[in-house]
Amino acid sequence: MMENEWTLIQKAQKDSEAFRPLYDTHFQQIFSFIFHRVGDKDLAADITSQTFLKALTNIGKYKPMGYRFSAWLYKIALNEVRYHFRKQTSSREFYADDQVIQNIEEVFEEPFDEELLALINSLISHMGEDAVQLIELRFFEQKSFKDISCILGISEANAKMRTYRLIEKIKEQINEKV
């Protein structure tokens, strides 16, 4: 963690007014993460607000444990999104921008057309929540395996292994359908 960020965190732990620079620094990435999961700007804004409210409320409990502060925020955001989807019964879709598509294309080593992207979206949408989270964190948010391990509460090696297994599973399913 950058020394400057740790100083900001310590100030925010003593005075809630000092939380603002942390909010300003991390708002866009957390909003983007949530938006990619829910696909609705207003809903993403609401969940992002709830995420930062919980972060502010619990900043006194935050301790650096070799992970970046943003990983802690992602964990809170992920819990808020989970809570939202537990209340909903509708199925999820993915909202991939050009950068996300490029990240996925690099893994699959081929360019995607809309049909292949729709197939991948369908395959991912039918996976379990844990699998979806791994894929989203790695390819949508470009998180390191170390950050993923912190966010999901698993070992770094486990995050890496599970991610690569999921990629292979998707590749196999694509080959069966194509």
Foldseek 3Di string as FASTA:
>chain_A
DDPVVVVLLVVLLVPVVSCVVVCVVQVVLLLQLQCQWAVDNVVSVVLSVVLVVVCSVCSNVDDDDPDDPNLVSLLSSVVSSVVVVVVDDDFTFGDDDPQLQVQLCVVVVHHDDPVLVVLLRVVLSPDDPVLVLLSCCCRVSVDQLPSVCSSVVHDSVVSVVSNVVVSVVSVVVVVVVD
